[in-house]
């Protein structure tokens, strides 16, 4: 299965995909996209000879109107948002229906939406006095963090003393959960029934 990975930061979830022994022989990351020209995750991609593209409206960027063509050129089967901070254009959502997933560093539908990314999420969780947090992988729709939930992993945060500590605990689970869900998709073991998603063994 050919993957396109969309990133905005250092790319630790992208690295987790590359490092996963379960995905080694069944997926190939064909392209990495970012909303930045100097995205740190590009260094990971280039070290693995994976083409990189900065997508946006500014000069020098791959224009969003050309994104569909670039995805087709790379024969992309699945789009993975791994810390990408922008909305995916509606035409891409429609073209790749049920073939775009995102990992979010909290237990949706709580602590999601515009502006809820990175440490912003963990600050909100910490200040809420919640005793659990976690990671969510969901299908992507036309708004932030509202797509159907595929899988979640809970993390005990009852003893943490900072948002940064929550971030570290959740990130470990993200690195496990995202490759797990991708493998299920490759194996065609993800079923959508109305607003529920079931993962077959």
C-alpha atoms as a PDB file:
ATOM      1  CA  UNK A   1       0.000   0.000   0.000  1.00  0.00           C
ATOM      2  CA  UNK A   2       1.373   3.407  -0.981  1.00  0.00           C
ATOM      3  CA  UNK A   3       1.219   6.102   1.706  1.00  0.00           C
ATOM      4  CA  UNK A   4       1.456   9.878   1.654  1.00  0.00           C
ATOM      5  CA  UNK A   5       2.335  11.325   5.053  1.00  0.00           C
ATOM      6  CA  UNK A   6       1.417  14.923   5.932  1.00  0.00           C
ATOM      7  CA  UNK A   7       3.434  16.572   8.709  1.00  0.00           C
ATOM      8  CA  UNK A   8       4.062  19.989  10.232  1.00  0.00           C
ATOM      9  CA  UNK A   9       6.701  19.251  12.883  1.00  0.00           C
ATOM     10  CA  UNK A  10       9.557  16.944  13.705  1.00  0.00           C
ATOM     11  CA  UNK A  11       7.795  13.836  12.417  1.00  0.00           C
ATOM     12  CA  UNK A  12       8.051  11.352  15.278  1.00  0.00           C
ATOM     13  CA  UNK A  13       4.870   9.561  14.173  1.00  0.00           C
ATOM     14  CA  UNK A  14       6.218   9.473  10.613  1.00  0.00           C
ATOM     15  CA  UNK A  15       9.385   7.911  12.013  1.00  0.00           C
ATOM     16  CA  UNK A  16       7.258   5.375  13.907  1.00  0.00           C
ATOM     17  CA  UNK A  17       5.678   4.300  10.613  1.00  0.00           C
ATOM     18  CA  UNK A  18       9.093   3.837   9.022  1.00  0.00           C
ATOM     19  CA  UNK A  19      10.398   1.946  12.053  1.00  0.00           C
ATOM     20  CA  UNK A  20       7.427  -0.399  12.453  1.00  0.00           C
ATOM     21  CA  UNK A  21       8.418  -4.008  11.733  1.00  0.00           C
ATOM     22  CA  UNK A  22       4.757  -4.848  11.073  1.00  0.00           C
ATOM     23  CA  UNK A  23       4.606  -2.292   8.256  1.00  0.00           C
ATOM     24  CA  UNK A  24       8.016  -2.948   6.735  1.00  0.00           C
ATOM     25  CA  UNK A  25       6.840  -5.292   3.986  1.00  0.00           C
ATOM     26  CA  UNK A  26       3.313  -4.020   3.389  1.00  0.00           C
ATOM     27  CA  UNK A  27       3.497  -0.216   3.038  1.00  0.00           C
ATOM     28  CA  UNK A  28       5.709   2.237   1.205  1.00  0.00           C
ATOM     29  CA  UNK A  29       5.788   5.942   2.020  1.00  0.00           C
ATOM     30  CA  UNK A  30       5.883   7.480  -1.443  1.00  0.00           C
ATOM     31  CA  UNK A  31       5.775  11.172  -0.503  1.00  0.00           C
ATOM     32  CA  UNK A  32       5.847  13.512   2.486  1.00  0.00           C
ATOM     33  CA  UNK A  33       3.928  16.794   2.459  1.00  0.00           C
ATOM     34  CA  UNK A  34       4.130  19.734   4.841  1.00  0.00           C
ATOM     35  CA  UNK A  35       2.670  23.211   5.183  1.00  0.00           C
ATOM     36  CA  UNK A  36       6.220  24.481   5.824  1.00  0.00           C
ATOM     37  CA  UNK A  37       9.289  24.870   3.631  1.00  0.00           C
ATOM     38  CA  UNK A  38      11.710  23.894   6.393  1.00  0.00           C
ATOM     39  CA  UNK A  39       9.727  21.162   8.121  1.00  0.00           C
ATOM     40  CA  UNK A  40      12.053  19.153  10.405  1.00  0.00           C
ATOM     41  CA  UNK A  41      10.362  15.905   9.300  1.00  0.00           C
ATOM     42  CA  UNK A  42      11.706  16.481   5.785  1.00  0.00           C
ATOM     43  CA  UNK A  43      15.131  15.450   7.079  1.00  0.00           C
ATOM     44  CA  UNK A  44      13.736  12.034   7.972  1.00  0.00           C
ATOM     45  CA  UNK A  45      12.153  11.683   4.546  1.00  0.00           C
ATOM     46  CA  UNK A  46      15.263  12.735   2.653  1.00  0.00           C
ATOM     47  CA  UNK A  47      17.370  10.301   4.675  1.00  0.00           C
ATOM     48  CA  UNK A  48      15.093   7.563   3.291  1.00  0.00           C
ATOM     49  CA  UNK A  49      15.066   9.005  -0.256  1.00  0.00           C
ATOM     50  CA  UNK A  50      11.375   9.912   0.027  1.00  0.00           C
ATOM     51  CA  UNK A  51      10.278  12.945  -2.032  1.00  0.00           C
ATOM     52  CA  UNK A  52       9.090  15.966  -0.042  1.00  0.00           C
ATOM     53  CA  UNK A  53       6.661  18.728  -0.983  1.00  0.00           C
ATOM     54  CA  UNK A  54       5.716  21.965   0.747  1.00  0.00           C
ATOM     55  CA  UNK A  55       2.058  22.632   0.039  1.00  0.00           C
ATOM     56  CA  UNK A  56       0.369  26.006   0.446  1.00  0.00           C
ATOM     57  CA  UNK A  57      -0.725  29.205  -1.261  1.00  0.00           C
ATOM     58  CA  UNK A  58       2.600  31.058  -1.219  1.00  0.00           C
ATOM     59  CA  UNK A  59       5.047  31.229  -4.137  1.00  0.00           C
ATOM     60  CA  UNK A  60       7.457  28.316  -4.091  1.00  0.00           C
ATOM     61  CA  UNK A  61       4.927  25.944  -2.589  1.00  0.00           C
ATOM     62  CA  UNK A  62       3.015  23.168  -4.309  1.00  0.00           C
ATOM     63  CA  UNK A  63      -0.377  24.800  -4.742  1.00  0.00           C
ATOM     64  CA  UNK A  64      -3.384  23.069  -3.221  1.00  0.00           C
ATOM     65  CA  UNK A  65      -4.950  23.004  -6.695  1.00  0.00           C
ATOM     66  CA  UNK A  66      -2.069  20.762  -7.804  1.00  0.00           C
ATOM     67  CA  UNK A  67      -2.172  18.458  -4.782  1.00  0.00           C
ATOM     68  CA  UNK A  68      -4.577  15.936  -6.288  1.00  0.00           C
ATOM     69  CA  UNK A  69      -2.350  15.484  -9.321  1.00  0.00           C
ATOM     70  CA  UNK A  70       0.731  14.942  -7.160  1.00  0.00           C
ATOM     71  CA  UNK A  71      -1.078  12.300  -5.093  1.00  0.00           C
ATOM     72  CA  UNK A  72      -2.170  10.507  -8.267  1.00  0.00           C
ATOM     73  CA  UNK A  73       1.341  10.776  -9.693  1.00  0.00           C
ATOM     74  CA  UNK A  74       2.614   8.898  -6.639  1.00  0.00           C
ATOM     75  CA  UNK A  75      -0.229   6.343  -6.833  1.00  0.00           C
ATOM     76  CA  UNK A  76      -1.274   7.053  -3.238  1.00  0.00           C
ATOM     77  CA  UNK A  77      -3.653   4.588  -1.585  1.00  0.00           C
ATOM     78  CA  UNK A  78      -3.803   6.071   1.931  1.00  0.00           C
ATOM     79  CA  UNK A  79      -3.124   9.557   3.289  1.00  0.00           C
ATOM     80  CA  UNK A  80      -1.831   9.710   6.861  1.00  0.00           C
ATOM     81  CA  UNK A  81      -1.903  12.978   8.792  1.00  0.00           C
ATOM     82  CA  UNK A  82       0.842  12.709  11.396  1.00  0.00           C
ATOM     83  CA  UNK A  83       0.897  16.108  13.055  1.00  0.00           C
ATOM     84  CA  UNK A  84      -0.376  18.142  10.103  1.00  0.00           C
ATOM     85  CA  UNK A  85      -1.902  21.424  11.272  1.00  0.00           C
ATOM     86  CA  UNK A  86      -3.945  22.502   8.253  1.00  0.00           C
ATOM     87  CA  UNK A  87      -7.303  21.376   6.911  1.00  0.00           C
ATOM     88  CA  UNK A  88      -7.116  19.066   3.927  1.00  0.00           C
ATOM     89  CA  UNK A  89      -8.898  20.601   0.888  1.00  0.00           C
ATOM     90  CA  UNK A  90     -12.460  19.403   0.385  1.00  0.00           C
ATOM     91  CA  UNK A  91     -11.767  17.976  -3.065  1.00  0.00           C
ATOM     92  CA  UNK A  92      -9.072  15.721  -1.573  1.00  0.00           C
ATOM     93  CA  UNK A  93     -11.442  14.627   1.200  1.00  0.00           C
ATOM     94  CA  UNK A  94     -13.960  13.648  -1.451  1.00  0.00           C
ATOM     95  CA  UNK A  95     -11.459  11.916  -3.742  1.00  0.00           C
ATOM     96  CA  UNK A  96      -9.955   9.919  -0.878  1.00  0.00           C
ATOM     97  CA  UNK A  97     -13.082   9.228   1.152  1.00  0.00           C
ATOM     98  CA  UNK A  98     -12.310   6.742   3.952  1.00  0.00           C
ATOM     99  CA  UNK A  99      -8.675   6.777   2.843  1.00  0.00           C
ATOM    100  CA  UNK A 100      -7.417   9.671   4.989  1.00  0.00           C
ATOM    101  CA  UNK A 101      -6.614   9.131   8.659  1.00  0.00           C
ATOM    102  CA  UNK A 102      -5.292  11.424  11.388  1.00  0.00           C
ATOM    103  CA  UNK A 103      -3.691  10.831  14.752  1.00  0.00           C
ATOM    104  CA  UNK A 104      -4.748  13.213  17.528  1.00  0.00           C
ATOM    105  CA  UNK A 105      -3.017  13.462  20.942  1.00  0.00           C
ATOM    106  CA  UNK A 106      -6.169  13.251  23.077  1.00  0.00           C
ATOM    107  CA  UNK A 107      -9.316  11.198  23.471  1.00  0.00           C
ATOM    108  CA  UNK A 108     -11.716  12.668  20.943  1.00  0.00           C
ATOM    109  CA  UNK A 109     -14.337  14.043  20.838  1.00  0.00           C
ATOM    110  CA  UNK A 110     -12.895  15.890  23.856  1.00  0.00           C
ATOM    111  CA  UNK A 111      -9.991  18.292  23.351  1.00  0.00           C
ATOM    112  CA  UNK A 112     -10.259  18.538  19.580  1.00  0.00           C
ATOM    113  CA  UNK A 113     -10.956  21.226  17.014  1.00  0.00           C
ATOM    114  CA  UNK A 114      -9.224  24.301  15.660  1.00  0.00           C
ATOM    115  CA  UNK A 115      -6.131  25.246  17.640  1.00  0.00           C
ATOM    116  CA  UNK A 116      -6.046  21.930  19.497  1.00  0.00           C
ATOM    117  CA  UNK A 117      -2.644  20.581  18.569  1.00  0.00           C
ATOM    118  CA  UNK A 118       0.658  19.903  20.271  1.00  0.00           C
ATOM    119  CA  UNK A 119       1.082  21.302  23.739  1.00  0.00           C
ATOM    120  CA  UNK A 120      -2.188  23.254  23.410  1.00  0.00           C
ATOM    121  CA  UNK A 121      -4.021  19.940  23.728  1.00  0.00           C
ATOM    122  CA  UNK A 122      -2.028  18.755  26.717  1.00  0.00           C
ATOM    123  CA  UNK A 123      -2.402  22.106  28.497  1.00  0.00           C
ATOM    124  CA  UNK A 124      -6.169  21.849  28.075  1.00  0.00           C
ATOM    125  CA  UNK A 125      -6.215  18.282  29.352  1.00  0.00           C
ATOM    126  CA  UNK A 126      -4.011  19.162  32.327  1.00  0.00           C
ATOM    127  CA  UNK A 127      -6.116  22.180  33.266  1.00  0.00           C
ATOM    128  CA  UNK A 128      -9.327  20.172  33.012  1.00  0.00           C
ATOM    129  CA  UNK A 129      -8.196  17.914  35.899  1.00  0.00           C
ATOM    130  CA  UNK A 130      -8.855  14.839  33.738  1.00  0.00           C
ATOM    131  CA  UNK A 131      -7.340  11.621  35.081  1.00  0.00           C
ATOM    132  CA  UNK A 132      -6.944   9.942  31.697  1.00  0.00           C
ATOM    133  CA  UNK A 133      -5.826  11.115  28.313  1.00  0.00           C
ATOM    134  CA  UNK A 134      -4.670   9.222  25.273  1.00  0.00           C
ATOM    135  CA  UNK A 135      -4.418   9.075  21.505  1.00  0.00           C
ATOM    136  CA  UNK A 136      -7.080   8.805  18.805  1.00  0.00           C
ATOM    137  CA  UNK A 137      -6.853   7.716  15.191  1.00  0.00           C
ATOM    138  CA  UNK A 138      -9.839   8.793  13.122  1.00  0.00           C
ATOM    139  CA  UNK A 139     -10.989   9.166   9.559  1.00  0.00           C
ATOM    140  CA  UNK A 140     -10.633  12.715   8.269  1.00  0.00           C
ATOM    141  CA  UNK A 141     -13.631  14.754   7.195  1.00  0.00           C
ATOM    142  CA  UNK A 142     -14.036  18.412   6.263  1.00  0.00           C
ATOM    143  CA  UNK A 143     -13.546  19.876   9.752  1.00  0.00           C
ATOM    144  CA  UNK A 144     -10.917  19.495  12.461  1.00  0.00           C
ATOM    145  CA  UNK A 145     -11.056  16.273  14.496  1.00  0.00           C
ATOM    146  CA  UNK A 146     -14.697  15.362  13.824  1.00  0.00           C
ATOM    147  CA  UNK A 147     -14.266  12.281  11.622  1.00  0.00           C
ATOM    148  CA  UNK A 148     -15.342   8.801  12.687  1.00  0.00           C
ATOM    149  CA  UNK A 149     -13.072   7.348  15.363  1.00  0.00           C
ATOM    150  CA  UNK A 150     -11.155   4.206  14.346  1.00  0.00           C
ATOM    151  CA  UNK A 151      -9.183   3.414  17.500  1.00  0.00           C
ATOM    152  CA  UNK A 152      -8.108   4.955  20.789  1.00  0.00           C
ATOM    153  CA  UNK A 153      -5.551   4.230  23.471  1.00  0.00           C
ATOM    154  CA  UNK A 154      -5.958   5.494  27.023  1.00  0.00           C
ATOM    155  CA  UNK A 155      -3.143   6.779  29.217  1.00  0.00           C
ATOM    156  CA  UNK A 156      -3.283   7.176  32.996  1.00  0.00           C
ATOM    157  CA  UNK A 157      -2.334  10.764  33.878  1.00  0.00           C
ATOM    158  CA  UNK A 158      -3.617  10.789  37.449  1.00  0.00           C
ATOM    159  CA  UNK A 159      -0.119  11.399  38.841  1.00  0.00           C
ATOM    160  CA  UNK A 160       1.332  13.858  36.330  1.00  0.00           C
ATOM    161  CA  UNK A 161       2.740  17.208  37.380  1.00  0.00           C
ATOM    162  CA  UNK A 162       2.822  19.030  34.027  1.00  0.00           C
ATOM    163  CA  UNK A 163       1.330  19.124  30.521  1.00  0.00           C
ATOM    164  CA  UNK A 164       4.737  18.127  29.182  1.00  0.00           C
ATOM    165  CA  UNK A 165       4.548  14.897  31.155  1.00  0.00           C
ATOM    166  CA  UNK A 166       1.166  14.153  29.581  1.00  0.00           C
ATOM    167  CA  UNK A 167       2.672  14.837  26.151  1.00  0.00           C
ATOM    168  CA  UNK A 168       5.477  12.339  26.712  1.00  0.00           C
ATOM    169  CA  UNK A 169       3.142   9.600  27.886  1.00  0.00           C
ATOM    170  CA  UNK A 170       0.651  10.115  25.089  1.00  0.00           C
ATOM    171  CA  UNK A 171       3.327  10.272  22.394  1.00  0.00           C
ATOM    172  CA  UNK A 172       4.567   6.803  23.315  1.00  0.00           C
ATOM    173  CA  UNK A 173       1.090   5.447  22.693  1.00  0.00           C
ATOM    174  CA  UNK A 174       0.721   7.391  19.444  1.00  0.00           C
ATOM    175  CA  UNK A 175       3.802   5.614  18.105  1.00  0.00           C
ATOM    176  CA  UNK A 176       2.109   2.272  18.790  1.00  0.00           C
ATOM    177  CA  UNK A 177      -1.450   3.125  17.792  1.00  0.00           C
ATOM    178  CA  UNK A 178      -0.824   4.710  14.386  1.00  0.00           C
ATOM    179  CA  UNK A 179       1.153   1.788  12.873  1.00  0.00           C
ATOM    180  CA  UNK A 180      -1.401  -0.612  14.375  1.00  0.00           C
ATOM    181  CA  UNK A 181      -4.293   1.116  12.607  1.00  0.00           C
ATOM    182  CA  UNK A 182      -2.395   1.368   9.322  1.00  0.00           C
ATOM    183  CA  UNK A 183      -1.714  -2.372   9.457  1.00  0.00           C
ATOM    184  CA  UNK A 184      -5.427  -3.048  10.049  1.00  0.00           C
ATOM    185  CA  UNK A 185      -6.280  -0.918   7.009  1.00  0.00           C
ATOM    186  CA  UNK A 186      -3.727  -2.766   4.871  1.00  0.00           C
ATOM    187  CA  UNK A 187      -5.233  -6.070   5.985  1.00  0.00           C
ATOM    188  CA  UNK A 188      -8.745  -4.780   5.206  1.00  0.00           C
ATOM    189  CA  UNK A 189      -9.759  -5.360   8.818  1.00  0.00           C
ATOM    190  CA  UNK A 190     -11.364  -1.953   9.349  1.00  0.00           C
ATOM    191  CA  UNK A 191     -15.143  -1.932   8.899  1.00  0.00           C
ATOM    192  CA  UNK A 192     -17.423   1.101   9.026  1.00  0.00           C
ATOM    193  CA  UNK A 193     -21.015   0.462  10.063  1.00  0.00           C
ATOM    194  CA  UNK A 194     -22.947   3.746  10.175  1.00  0.00           C
ATOM    195  CA  UNK A 195     -21.110   5.881  12.745  1.00  0.00           C
ATOM    196  CA  UNK A 196     -19.110   3.024  14.260  1.00  0.00           C
ATOM    197  CA  UNK A 197     -15.809   1.472  13.217  1.00  0.00           C
ATOM    198  CA  UNK A 198     -14.908  -2.134  13.976  1.00  0.00           C
ATOM    199  CA  UNK A 199     -11.425  -3.644  13.859  1.00  0.00           C
ATOM    200  CA  UNK A 200     -11.433  -7.335  12.990  1.00  0.00           C
ATOM    201  CA  UNK A 201      -8.849  -9.614  14.628  1.00  0.00           C
END
